[in-house]
């Protein structure tokens, strides 16, 4: 049975991953040492150009791992679709927390403003002092809750941004399934260690041999 043709998105992802793995290889100690030993017969940019020119042959070395990755990703997507269709997803519960995260600081800020203004007004116009003091205390508490909620929201946003940034740097989609992640890492490792590194080292050896003939 014929292998399905990769989509445009898949081709784009393969290309981005290939270039990222190429940069990792070029910046590795093994390639840096080999470049120093070659005494300038080839530089880093020349190696990069040659690797990009031969990307199809290099990527083919890790074809088995890439196929396992795409199959794992398709299976995870199928299982996610089944959970959603059976109503077992967590969209209902997951939607409540962001709403609370937005409304708690907002409502607390409004309450703080009302309590503080009311308390100050009672004090200014000689109203019952104990009521004014109570309203001021309630206002300060509500203000503290609002500030605490805002700080918590900011911390959550920073953590989420850091997580998403590390995922993007690694080429991983946010919320990637554990099995899909393992398959993706196995593919990228095979691409680097069995495809990229041998290709780059072989080009350096060839250039060094020609230089000494």
N, C-alpha and C. Protein backbone atom coordinates (compact mmCIF):
# COMPACT_ATOMS: atom_id res chain seq x y z
N UNK A 1 0.84 -1.18 0.00
CA UNK A 1 0.00 0.00 0.00
C UNK A 1 0.88 1.24 0.00
N UNK A 2 0.52 2.23 -0.80
CA UNK A 2 1.37 3.42 -0.95
C UNK A 2 1.29 4.28 0.31
N UNK A 3 2.41 4.90 0.64
CA UNK A 3 2.46 5.82 1.78
C UNK A 3 1.71 7.10 1.43
N UNK A 4 0.91 7.65 2.38
CA UNK A 4 0.22 8.91 2.09
C UNK A 4 1.21 10.04 1.90
N UNK A 5 0.88 10.92 0.97
CA UNK A 5 1.75 12.06 0.71
C UNK A 5 1.66 13.05 1.88
N UNK A 6 2.79 13.59 2.34
CA UNK A 6 2.74 14.57 3.43
C UNK A 6 2.04 15.85 2.98
N UNK A 7 1.31 16.44 3.90
CA UNK A 7 0.60 17.68 3.59
C UNK A 7 1.58 18.85 3.57
N UNK A 8 1.07 20.01 3.15
CA UNK A 8 1.92 21.20 3.14
C UNK A 8 2.42 21.55 4.52
N UNK A 9 1.55 21.39 5.53
CA UNK A 9 1.95 21.68 6.91
C UNK A 9 3.04 20.72 7.36
N UNK A 10 2.91 19.43 6.98
CA UNK A 10 3.93 18.44 7.35
C UNK A 10 5.26 18.76 6.70
N UNK A 11 5.22 19.15 5.43
CA UNK A 11 6.46 19.48 4.73
C UNK A 11 7.13 20.68 5.38
N UNK A 12 6.32 21.67 5.74
CA UNK A 12 6.88 22.84 6.41
C UNK A 12 7.49 22.48 7.75
N UNK A 13 6.82 21.60 8.51
CA UNK A 13 7.34 21.19 9.81
C UNK A 13 8.63 20.39 9.65
N UNK A 14 8.68 19.51 8.65
CA UNK A 14 9.90 18.73 8.40
C UNK A 14 11.05 19.67 8.07
N UNK A 15 10.79 20.68 7.25
CA UNK A 15 11.84 21.61 6.86
C UNK A 15 12.36 22.40 8.05
N UNK A 16 11.44 22.89 8.88
CA UNK A 16 11.85 23.65 10.07
C UNK A 16 12.64 22.76 11.02
N UNK A 17 12.17 21.53 11.22
CA UNK A 17 12.87 20.60 12.11
C UNK A 17 14.25 20.26 11.56
N UNK A 18 14.34 20.05 10.25
CA UNK A 18 15.62 19.72 9.64
C UNK A 18 16.63 20.84 9.89
N UNK A 19 16.22 22.07 9.69
CA UNK A 19 17.15 23.20 9.88
C UNK A 19 17.53 23.37 11.35
N UNK A 20 16.58 23.11 12.26
CA UNK A 20 16.91 23.20 13.68
C UNK A 20 17.91 22.11 14.08
N UNK A 21 17.69 20.89 13.60
CA UNK A 21 18.62 19.80 13.89
C UNK A 21 19.99 20.08 13.25
N UNK A 22 19.98 20.65 12.06
CA UNK A 22 21.24 21.02 11.40
C UNK A 22 22.01 22.03 12.24
N UNK A 23 21.32 23.03 12.77
CA UNK A 23 21.99 24.03 13.61
C UNK A 23 22.54 23.39 14.88
N UNK A 24 21.78 22.47 15.46
CA UNK A 24 22.27 21.77 16.65
C UNK A 24 23.55 20.99 16.34
N UNK A 25 23.56 20.33 15.19
CA UNK A 25 24.74 19.55 14.81
C UNK A 25 25.94 20.46 14.55
N UNK A 26 25.70 21.55 13.83
CA UNK A 26 26.80 22.47 13.52
C UNK A 26 27.38 23.11 14.78
N UNK A 27 26.57 23.27 15.82
CA UNK A 27 27.03 23.87 17.07
C UNK A 27 27.54 22.86 18.08
N UNK A 28 27.52 21.58 17.69
CA UNK A 28 27.96 20.54 18.62
C UNK A 28 29.49 20.54 18.74
N UNK A 29 29.97 19.95 19.84
CA UNK A 29 31.42 19.89 20.06
C UNK A 29 32.12 19.06 18.98
N UNK A 30 31.51 17.96 18.56
CA UNK A 30 32.16 17.09 17.56
C UNK A 30 32.41 17.84 16.26
N UNK A 31 31.42 18.58 15.80
CA UNK A 31 31.60 19.31 14.54
C UNK A 31 32.55 20.49 14.74
N UNK A 32 32.47 21.16 15.88
CA UNK A 32 33.38 22.27 16.14
C UNK A 32 34.83 21.79 16.14
N UNK A 33 35.09 20.66 16.79
CA UNK A 33 36.44 20.10 16.82
C UNK A 33 36.90 19.69 15.42
N UNK A 34 35.98 19.09 14.65
CA UNK A 34 36.33 18.67 13.29
C UNK A 34 36.63 19.88 12.41
N UNK A 35 35.89 20.98 12.60
CA UNK A 35 36.16 22.20 11.85
C UNK A 35 37.53 22.77 12.19
N UNK A 36 37.89 22.72 13.45
CA UNK A 36 39.22 23.20 13.86
C UNK A 36 40.32 22.35 13.24
N UNK A 37 40.11 21.03 13.23
CA UNK A 37 41.13 20.14 12.65
C UNK A 37 41.26 20.32 11.14
N UNK A 38 40.15 20.73 10.51
CA UNK A 38 40.19 20.87 9.04
C UNK A 38 40.97 22.10 8.59
N UNK A 39 41.30 22.99 9.53
CA UNK A 39 42.13 24.16 9.25
C UNK A 39 41.57 25.01 8.11
N UNK A 40 40.25 25.19 8.10
CA UNK A 40 39.64 26.11 7.14
C UNK A 40 39.33 25.55 5.78
N UNK A 41 39.50 24.23 5.57
CA UNK A 41 39.14 23.67 4.27
C UNK A 41 37.64 23.82 3.99
N UNK A 42 36.83 23.74 5.05
CA UNK A 42 35.39 24.01 4.95
C UNK A 42 34.99 24.82 6.18
N UNK A 43 34.10 25.77 5.99
CA UNK A 43 33.62 26.50 7.16
C UNK A 43 32.18 26.09 7.48
N UNK A 44 31.63 26.65 8.52
CA UNK A 44 30.31 26.26 8.99
C UNK A 44 29.21 26.54 7.96
N UNK A 45 29.28 27.69 7.32
CA UNK A 45 28.25 28.04 6.33
C UNK A 45 28.30 27.13 5.11
N UNK A 46 29.51 26.74 4.70
CA UNK A 46 29.63 25.82 3.56
C UNK A 46 29.04 24.46 3.91
N UNK A 47 29.28 24.01 5.14
CA UNK A 47 28.68 22.75 5.59
C UNK A 47 27.16 22.85 5.60
N UNK A 48 26.67 23.96 6.09
CA UNK A 48 25.21 24.15 6.15
C UNK A 48 24.60 24.13 4.75
N UNK A 49 25.25 24.80 3.81
CA UNK A 49 24.74 24.84 2.44
C UNK A 49 24.70 23.43 1.84
N UNK A 50 25.75 22.65 2.06
CA UNK A 50 25.79 21.29 1.50
C UNK A 50 24.72 20.41 2.13
N UNK A 51 24.51 20.56 3.45
CA UNK A 51 23.49 19.75 4.12
C UNK A 51 22.09 20.11 3.61
N UNK A 52 21.82 21.38 3.42
CA UNK A 52 20.51 21.79 2.90
C UNK A 52 20.29 21.27 1.49
N UNK A 53 21.37 21.22 0.72
CA UNK A 53 21.27 20.72 -0.66
C UNK A 53 20.94 19.23 -0.67
N UNK A 54 21.38 18.51 0.35
CA UNK A 54 21.18 17.06 0.41
C UNK A 54 20.14 16.68 1.47
N UNK A 55 19.22 17.59 1.74
CA UNK A 55 18.29 17.35 2.84
C UNK A 55 17.43 16.11 2.63
N UNK A 56 17.06 15.82 1.39
CA UNK A 56 16.20 14.65 1.14
C UNK A 56 16.92 13.36 1.50
N UNK A 57 18.18 13.23 1.09
CA UNK A 57 18.94 12.02 1.40
C UNK A 57 19.21 11.90 2.90
N UNK A 58 19.49 13.02 3.56
CA UNK A 58 19.77 12.98 5.00
C UNK A 58 18.50 12.62 5.76
N UNK A 59 17.38 13.23 5.39
CA UNK A 59 16.12 12.96 6.10
C UNK A 59 15.66 11.53 5.90
N UNK A 60 16.00 10.93 4.75
CA UNK A 60 15.58 9.56 4.47
C UNK A 60 16.17 8.56 5.45
N UNK A 61 17.31 8.89 6.05
CA UNK A 61 17.94 7.99 7.02
C UNK A 61 17.03 7.76 8.22
N UNK A 62 16.23 8.76 8.59
CA UNK A 62 15.34 8.66 9.74
C UNK A 62 13.89 8.46 9.31
N UNK A 63 13.66 7.88 8.13
CA UNK A 63 12.31 7.73 7.60
C UNK A 63 11.45 6.82 8.48
N UNK A 64 12.05 5.77 9.02
CA UNK A 64 11.29 4.84 9.86
C UNK A 64 10.79 5.54 11.12
N UNK A 65 11.68 6.31 11.75
CA UNK A 65 11.29 7.04 12.96
C UNK A 65 10.25 8.11 12.66
N UNK A 66 10.38 8.75 11.49
CA UNK A 66 9.39 9.77 11.14
C UNK A 66 8.02 9.13 10.90
N UNK A 67 8.01 7.96 10.27
CA UNK A 67 6.74 7.27 10.04
C UNK A 67 6.11 6.89 11.38
N UNK A 68 6.92 6.43 12.34
CA UNK A 68 6.39 6.09 13.66
C UNK A 68 5.83 7.33 14.36
N UNK A 69 6.49 8.46 14.16
CA UNK A 69 6.01 9.72 14.74
C UNK A 69 4.67 10.12 14.16
N UNK A 70 4.53 10.07 12.84
CA UNK A 70 3.26 10.48 12.21
C UNK A 70 2.13 9.52 12.59
N UNK A 71 2.44 8.23 12.70
CA UNK A 71 1.41 7.27 13.11
C UNK A 71 0.98 7.51 14.55
N UNK A 72 1.94 7.81 15.41
CA UNK A 72 1.62 8.10 16.81
C UNK A 72 0.77 9.37 16.92
N UNK A 73 1.11 10.37 16.12
CA UNK A 73 0.35 11.63 16.13
C UNK A 73 -1.08 11.41 15.63
N UNK A 74 -1.24 10.59 14.58
CA UNK A 74 -2.56 10.32 14.04
C UNK A 74 -3.41 9.54 15.06
N UNK A 75 -2.77 8.58 15.75
CA UNK A 75 -3.49 7.80 16.76
C UNK A 75 -3.94 8.68 17.91
N UNK A 76 -3.07 9.58 18.35
CA UNK A 76 -3.42 10.49 19.45
C UNK A 76 -4.57 11.40 19.05
N UNK A 77 -4.55 11.89 17.80
CA UNK A 77 -5.63 12.75 17.32
C UNK A 77 -6.95 11.97 17.25
N UNK A 78 -6.87 10.71 16.84
CA UNK A 78 -8.08 9.88 16.76
C UNK A 78 -8.66 9.64 18.15
N UNK A 79 -7.79 9.34 19.12
CA UNK A 79 -8.25 9.09 20.48
C UNK A 79 -8.85 10.36 21.10
N UNK A 80 -8.25 11.50 20.82
CA UNK A 80 -8.78 12.77 21.32
C UNK A 80 -10.16 13.04 20.73
N UNK A 81 -10.34 12.75 19.44
CA UNK A 81 -11.63 12.92 18.80
C UNK A 81 -12.69 12.01 19.40
N UNK A 82 -12.30 10.76 19.74
CA UNK A 82 -13.25 9.84 20.36
C UNK A 82 -13.66 10.32 21.74
N UNK A 83 -12.71 10.84 22.52
CA UNK A 83 -13.03 11.34 23.86
C UNK A 83 -13.98 12.53 23.76
N UNK A 84 -13.73 13.42 22.79
CA UNK A 84 -14.59 14.58 22.64
C UNK A 84 -16.00 14.18 22.21
N UNK A 85 -16.10 13.20 21.31
CA UNK A 85 -17.41 12.78 20.82
C UNK A 85 -18.20 12.05 21.90
N UNK A 86 -17.50 11.40 22.86
CA UNK A 86 -18.17 10.69 23.95
C UNK A 86 -18.47 11.60 25.13
N UNK A 87 -18.06 12.88 25.03
CA UNK A 87 -18.34 13.82 26.10
C UNK A 87 -17.43 13.68 27.29
N UNK A 88 -16.26 13.05 27.10
CA UNK A 88 -15.33 12.85 28.21
C UNK A 88 -14.26 13.90 28.26
N UNK A 89 -14.34 14.93 27.37
CA UNK A 89 -13.32 15.97 27.39
C UNK A 89 -13.49 16.84 28.62
N UNK A 90 -12.51 17.66 28.88
CA UNK A 90 -12.55 18.50 30.07
C UNK A 90 -12.84 19.96 29.73
N UNK A 91 -13.50 20.16 28.58
CA UNK A 91 -13.72 21.54 28.15
C UNK A 91 -14.64 22.29 29.09
N UNK A 92 -15.67 21.55 29.66
CA UNK A 92 -16.60 22.23 30.56
C UNK A 92 -15.91 22.69 31.82
N UNK A 93 -15.18 21.78 32.49
CA UNK A 93 -14.49 22.14 33.72
C UNK A 93 -13.36 23.09 33.47
N UNK A 94 -12.66 22.90 32.35
CA UNK A 94 -11.51 23.75 32.07
C UNK A 94 -11.91 25.18 31.78
N UNK A 95 -13.18 25.37 31.30
CA UNK A 95 -13.60 26.71 30.98
C UNK A 95 -13.95 27.55 32.20
N UNK A 96 -14.23 26.90 33.35
CA UNK A 96 -14.64 27.64 34.53
C UNK A 96 -13.48 28.37 35.18
N UNK A 97 -12.32 27.74 35.21
CA UNK A 97 -11.18 28.36 35.88
C UNK A 97 -10.73 29.67 35.23
N UNK A 98 -10.60 29.74 33.91
CA UNK A 98 -10.25 31.03 33.32
C UNK A 98 -11.27 32.12 33.61
N UNK A 99 -12.58 31.75 33.65
CA UNK A 99 -13.61 32.74 33.95
C UNK A 99 -13.44 33.27 35.36
N UNK A 100 -13.22 32.35 36.31
CA UNK A 100 -13.00 32.78 37.69
C UNK A 100 -11.74 33.62 37.82
N UNK A 101 -10.71 33.23 37.07
CA UNK A 101 -9.44 33.97 37.14
C UNK A 101 -9.62 35.41 36.69
N UNK A 102 -10.55 35.63 35.76
CA UNK A 102 -10.79 36.99 35.27
C UNK A 102 -11.70 37.76 36.22
N UNK A 103 -12.77 37.09 36.70
CA UNK A 103 -13.79 37.81 37.45
C UNK A 103 -13.43 38.07 38.91
N UNK A 104 -12.69 37.15 39.54
CA UNK A 104 -12.38 37.35 40.96
C UNK A 104 -11.60 38.64 41.20
N UNK A 105 -10.47 38.88 40.48
CA UNK A 105 -9.78 40.17 40.70
C UNK A 105 -10.64 41.37 40.34
N UNK A 106 -11.44 41.25 39.27
CA UNK A 106 -12.26 42.39 38.83
C UNK A 106 -13.32 42.72 39.87
N UNK A 107 -14.06 41.70 40.33
CA UNK A 107 -15.10 41.93 41.32
C UNK A 107 -14.51 42.42 42.63
N UNK A 108 -13.35 41.88 43.01
CA UNK A 108 -12.70 42.32 44.24
C UNK A 108 -12.29 43.79 44.15
N UNK A 109 -11.81 44.21 42.98
CA UNK A 109 -11.42 45.61 42.80
C UNK A 109 -12.64 46.52 42.90
N UNK A 110 -13.76 46.10 42.28
CA UNK A 110 -14.98 46.90 42.35
C UNK A 110 -15.47 47.00 43.79
N UNK A 111 -15.48 45.86 44.49
CA UNK A 111 -15.93 45.85 45.88
C UNK A 111 -15.03 46.73 46.74
N UNK A 112 -13.72 46.65 46.50
CA UNK A 112 -12.78 47.48 47.27
C UNK A 112 -13.09 48.95 47.07
N UNK A 113 -13.34 49.36 45.82
CA UNK A 113 -13.63 50.76 45.54
C UNK A 113 -14.91 51.21 46.24
N UNK A 114 -15.97 50.37 46.19
CA UNK A 114 -17.25 50.72 46.82
C UNK A 114 -17.08 50.85 48.33
N UNK A 115 -16.42 49.85 48.94
CA UNK A 115 -16.25 49.88 50.40
C UNK A 115 -15.42 51.08 50.84
N UNK A 116 -14.32 51.33 50.13
CA UNK A 116 -13.44 52.44 50.53
C UNK A 116 -14.13 53.79 50.38
N UNK A 117 -14.82 53.97 49.26
CA UNK A 117 -15.52 55.25 49.04
C UNK A 117 -16.62 55.44 50.08
N UNK A 118 -17.37 54.37 50.36
CA UNK A 118 -18.45 54.47 51.35
C UNK A 118 -17.90 54.76 52.74
N UNK A 119 -16.83 54.05 53.11
CA UNK A 119 -16.23 54.26 54.41
C UNK A 119 -15.69 55.67 54.58
N UNK A 120 -15.01 56.16 53.56
CA UNK A 120 -14.46 57.51 53.62
C UNK A 120 -15.59 58.56 53.67
N UNK A 121 -16.67 58.29 52.92
CA UNK A 121 -17.80 59.23 52.92
C UNK A 121 -18.44 59.31 54.30
N UNK A 122 -18.62 58.15 54.94
CA UNK A 122 -19.22 58.17 56.28
C UNK A 122 -18.33 58.91 57.27
N UNK A 123 -17.04 58.72 57.16
CA UNK A 123 -16.12 59.44 58.05
C UNK A 123 -16.15 60.94 57.78
N UNK A 124 -16.18 61.30 56.49
CA UNK A 124 -16.13 62.72 56.14
C UNK A 124 -17.38 63.46 56.59
N UNK A 125 -18.56 62.79 56.52
CA UNK A 125 -19.81 63.46 56.87
C UNK A 125 -20.27 63.15 58.28
N UNK A 126 -19.36 62.60 59.09
CA UNK A 126 -19.67 62.39 60.50
C UNK A 126 -20.68 61.32 60.76
N UNK A 127 -20.73 60.34 59.89
CA UNK A 127 -21.65 59.23 60.12
C UNK A 127 -21.16 58.32 61.24
N UNK A 128 -21.81 57.18 61.36
CA UNK A 128 -21.41 56.26 62.40
C UNK A 128 -19.98 55.79 62.17
N UNK A 129 -19.07 56.09 63.09
CA UNK A 129 -17.66 55.80 62.84
C UNK A 129 -17.35 54.32 62.75
N UNK A 130 -18.07 53.50 63.52
CA UNK A 130 -17.76 52.07 63.48
C UNK A 130 -18.16 51.46 62.14
N UNK A 131 -19.22 52.00 61.53
CA UNK A 131 -19.62 51.50 60.21
C UNK A 131 -18.59 51.93 59.17
N UNK A 132 -18.15 53.19 59.25
CA UNK A 132 -17.12 53.67 58.32
C UNK A 132 -15.84 52.88 58.44
N UNK A 133 -15.44 52.60 59.70
CA UNK A 133 -14.21 51.81 59.89
C UNK A 133 -14.37 50.40 59.35
N UNK A 134 -15.56 49.84 59.54
CA UNK A 134 -15.80 48.49 59.02
C UNK A 134 -15.75 48.46 57.50
N UNK A 135 -16.34 49.47 56.88
CA UNK A 135 -16.31 49.53 55.42
C UNK A 135 -14.89 49.72 54.90
N UNK A 136 -14.10 50.55 55.60
CA UNK A 136 -12.71 50.72 55.19
C UNK A 136 -11.94 49.42 55.31
N UNK A 137 -12.16 48.69 56.41
CA UNK A 137 -11.47 47.40 56.59
C UNK A 137 -11.86 46.43 55.47
N UNK A 138 -13.19 46.38 55.19
CA UNK A 138 -13.65 45.50 54.10
C UNK A 138 -13.04 45.92 52.76
N UNK A 139 -12.90 47.23 52.57
CA UNK A 139 -12.30 47.71 51.32
C UNK A 139 -10.85 47.31 51.19
N UNK A 140 -10.11 47.42 52.31
CA UNK A 140 -8.70 47.01 52.27
C UNK A 140 -8.56 45.51 52.00
N UNK A 141 -9.44 44.71 52.61
CA UNK A 141 -9.41 43.26 52.38
C UNK A 141 -9.71 42.95 50.92
N UNK A 142 -10.75 43.62 50.38
CA UNK A 142 -11.09 43.37 48.98
C UNK A 142 -9.97 43.80 48.05
N UNK A 143 -9.32 44.93 48.41
CA UNK A 143 -8.20 45.38 47.58
C UNK A 143 -7.06 44.37 47.62
N UNK A 144 -6.80 43.80 48.81
CA UNK A 144 -5.75 42.78 48.93
C UNK A 144 -6.08 41.55 48.10
N UNK A 145 -7.38 41.15 48.12
CA UNK A 145 -7.80 40.01 47.30
C UNK A 145 -7.61 40.31 45.81
N UNK A 146 -7.96 41.54 45.41
CA UNK A 146 -7.80 41.92 44.00
C UNK A 146 -6.33 41.88 43.58
N UNK A 147 -5.47 42.44 44.44
CA UNK A 147 -4.04 42.44 44.12
C UNK A 147 -3.51 41.01 44.07
N UNK A 148 -3.91 40.20 45.06
CA UNK A 148 -3.45 38.81 45.07
C UNK A 148 -3.91 38.04 43.85
N UNK A 149 -5.18 38.27 43.44
CA UNK A 149 -5.67 37.60 42.23
C UNK A 149 -4.93 38.04 40.99
N UNK A 150 -4.63 39.34 40.91
CA UNK A 150 -3.90 39.85 39.74
C UNK A 150 -2.49 39.27 39.69
N UNK A 151 -1.83 39.17 40.86
CA UNK A 151 -0.49 38.59 40.90
C UNK A 151 -0.53 37.13 40.50
N UNK A 152 -1.55 36.39 41.00
CA UNK A 152 -1.67 34.97 40.64
C UNK A 152 -1.90 34.80 39.15
N UNK A 153 -2.76 35.66 38.57
CA UNK A 153 -3.01 35.60 37.12
C UNK A 153 -1.73 35.86 36.33
N UNK A 154 -0.95 36.86 36.80
CA UNK A 154 0.30 37.18 36.11
C UNK A 154 1.27 36.01 36.18
N UNK A 155 1.34 35.37 37.36
CA UNK A 155 2.24 34.22 37.50
C UNK A 155 1.82 33.09 36.57
N UNK A 156 0.51 32.84 36.48
CA UNK A 156 0.03 31.78 35.58
C UNK A 156 0.36 32.10 34.13
N UNK A 157 0.20 33.37 33.75
CA UNK A 157 0.51 33.76 32.38
C UNK A 157 1.99 33.58 32.08
N UNK A 158 2.85 33.94 33.04
CA UNK A 158 4.29 33.80 32.84
C UNK A 158 4.69 32.34 32.71
N UNK A 159 4.10 31.48 33.57
CA UNK A 159 4.40 30.05 33.50
C UNK A 159 3.95 29.47 32.17
N UNK A 160 2.72 29.85 31.74
CA UNK A 160 2.21 29.35 30.46
C UNK A 160 3.07 29.83 29.30
N UNK A 161 3.51 31.10 29.36
CA UNK A 161 4.35 31.64 28.28
C UNK A 161 5.68 30.92 28.23
N UNK A 162 6.27 30.65 29.41
CA UNK A 162 7.55 29.94 29.45
C UNK A 162 7.39 28.53 28.91
N UNK A 163 6.28 27.88 29.26
CA UNK A 163 6.04 26.52 28.76
C UNK A 163 5.87 26.52 27.25
N UNK A 164 5.08 27.46 26.75
CA UNK A 164 4.86 27.52 25.30
C UNK A 164 6.13 27.88 24.55
N UNK A 165 6.96 28.77 25.15
CA UNK A 165 8.20 29.15 24.49
C UNK A 165 9.16 27.97 24.41
N UNK A 166 9.26 27.18 25.50
CA UNK A 166 10.14 26.01 25.48
C UNK A 166 9.63 24.97 24.49
N UNK A 167 8.32 24.86 24.38
CA UNK A 167 7.74 23.92 23.42
C UNK A 167 8.05 24.33 22.01
N UNK A 168 7.91 25.64 21.73
CA UNK A 168 8.21 26.13 20.39
C UNK A 168 9.69 25.95 20.07
N UNK A 169 10.57 26.26 21.03
CA UNK A 169 12.01 26.10 20.80
C UNK A 169 12.36 24.66 20.48
N UNK A 170 11.61 23.73 21.08
CA UNK A 170 11.89 22.32 20.86
C UNK A 170 11.12 21.78 19.67
N UNK A 171 10.29 22.60 19.06
CA UNK A 171 9.49 22.14 17.92
C UNK A 171 8.26 21.38 18.34
N UNK A 172 7.89 21.43 19.60
CA UNK A 172 6.76 20.66 20.08
C UNK A 172 5.52 21.53 20.18
N UNK A 173 4.36 21.03 19.69
CA UNK A 173 3.12 21.77 19.89
C UNK A 173 2.75 21.78 21.36
N UNK A 174 2.07 22.84 21.80
CA UNK A 174 1.63 22.90 23.19
C UNK A 174 0.63 21.79 23.47
N UNK A 175 0.75 21.15 24.63
CA UNK A 175 -0.16 20.09 25.01
C UNK A 175 0.07 18.79 24.24
N UNK A 176 1.27 18.55 23.79
CA UNK A 176 1.57 17.36 23.01
C UNK A 176 1.43 16.09 23.85
N UNK A 177 0.84 15.05 23.27
CA UNK A 177 0.68 13.76 23.93
C UNK A 177 2.05 13.16 24.25
N UNK A 178 2.15 12.43 25.39
CA UNK A 178 3.43 11.89 25.83
C UNK A 178 4.02 10.90 24.82
N UNK A 179 3.17 10.05 24.25
CA UNK A 179 3.66 9.08 23.27
C UNK A 179 4.12 9.78 22.00
N UNK A 180 3.38 10.81 21.60
CA UNK A 180 3.77 11.58 20.42
C UNK A 180 5.11 12.28 20.67
N UNK A 181 5.28 12.81 21.86
CA UNK A 181 6.54 13.49 22.21
C UNK A 181 7.71 12.52 22.12
N UNK A 182 7.54 11.31 22.67
CA UNK A 182 8.63 10.33 22.61
C UNK A 182 8.97 9.96 21.17
N UNK A 183 7.92 9.79 20.35
CA UNK A 183 8.16 9.44 18.94
C UNK A 183 8.85 10.59 18.21
N UNK A 184 8.44 11.83 18.50
CA UNK A 184 9.07 12.99 17.85
C UNK A 184 10.53 13.11 18.26
N UNK A 185 10.83 12.91 19.55
CA UNK A 185 12.21 13.00 20.01
C UNK A 185 13.07 11.89 19.42
N UNK A 186 12.49 10.68 19.27
CA UNK A 186 13.23 9.58 18.66
C UNK A 186 13.55 9.89 17.20
N UNK A 187 12.60 10.49 16.50
CA UNK A 187 12.83 10.88 15.10
C UNK A 187 13.94 11.92 15.00
N UNK A 188 13.87 12.95 15.82
CA UNK A 188 14.87 14.01 15.75
C UNK A 188 16.26 13.50 16.16
N UNK A 189 16.30 12.58 17.12
CA UNK A 189 17.59 12.00 17.52
C UNK A 189 18.18 11.18 16.38
N UNK A 190 17.35 10.38 15.72
CA UNK A 190 17.83 9.59 14.59
C UNK A 190 18.29 10.49 13.45
N UNK A 191 17.54 11.56 13.21
CA UNK A 191 17.91 12.50 12.15
C UNK A 191 19.27 13.13 12.44
N UNK A 192 19.51 13.48 13.70
CA UNK A 192 20.77 14.14 14.05
C UNK A 192 21.94 13.15 14.08
N UNK A 193 21.75 12.01 14.76
CA UNK A 193 22.88 11.10 15.02
C UNK A 193 23.17 10.15 13.86
N UNK A 194 22.14 9.75 13.11
CA UNK A 194 22.37 8.80 12.02
C UNK A 194 22.39 9.46 10.66
N UNK A 195 21.81 10.67 10.59
CA UNK A 195 21.78 11.35 9.31
C UNK A 195 22.70 12.56 9.25
N UNK A 196 22.47 13.53 10.12
CA UNK A 196 23.17 14.81 10.04
C UNK A 196 24.64 14.72 10.40
N UNK A 197 24.93 14.14 11.57
CA UNK A 197 26.32 14.11 12.03
C UNK A 197 27.22 13.33 11.08
N UNK A 198 26.85 12.11 10.65
CA UNK A 198 27.71 11.40 9.70
C UNK A 198 27.91 12.17 8.39
N UNK A 199 26.86 12.84 7.91
CA UNK A 199 27.00 13.61 6.67
C UNK A 199 28.01 14.73 6.84
N UNK A 200 27.88 15.51 7.90
CA UNK A 200 28.78 16.65 8.11
C UNK A 200 30.22 16.19 8.31
N UNK A 201 30.41 15.16 9.12
CA UNK A 201 31.77 14.66 9.36
C UNK A 201 32.38 14.09 8.08
N UNK A 202 31.56 13.44 7.27
CA UNK A 202 32.08 12.88 6.01
C UNK A 202 32.51 13.99 5.06
N UNK A 203 31.75 15.08 5.02
CA UNK A 203 32.14 16.20 4.15
C UNK A 203 33.45 16.82 4.63
N UNK A 204 33.63 16.93 5.92
CA UNK A 204 34.88 17.47 6.45
C UNK A 204 36.05 16.54 6.16
N UNK A 205 35.83 15.23 6.29
CA UNK A 205 36.90 14.27 5.99
C UNK A 205 37.28 14.34 4.51
N UNK A 206 36.28 14.44 3.63
CA UNK A 206 36.56 14.53 2.20
C UNK A 206 37.38 15.77 1.88
N UNK A 207 36.98 16.90 2.46
CA UNK A 207 37.70 18.14 2.20
C UNK A 207 39.14 18.06 2.73
N UNK A 208 39.31 17.45 3.89
CA UNK A 208 40.65 17.31 4.46
C UNK A 208 41.53 16.39 3.62
N UNK A 209 40.89 15.30 3.10
CA UNK A 209 41.66 14.36 2.24
C UNK A 209 42.11 15.05 0.95
N UNK A 210 41.21 15.80 0.31
CA UNK A 210 41.57 16.50 -0.92
C UNK A 210 42.67 17.52 -0.66
N UNK A 211 42.59 18.15 0.50
CA UNK A 211 43.57 19.19 0.81
C UNK A 211 44.97 18.63 0.98
N UNK A 212 45.06 17.32 1.37
CA UNK A 212 46.38 16.72 1.62
C UNK A 212 46.85 15.85 0.48
N UNK A 213 46.07 15.80 -0.61
CA UNK A 213 46.52 15.01 -1.78
C UNK A 213 47.55 15.77 -2.57
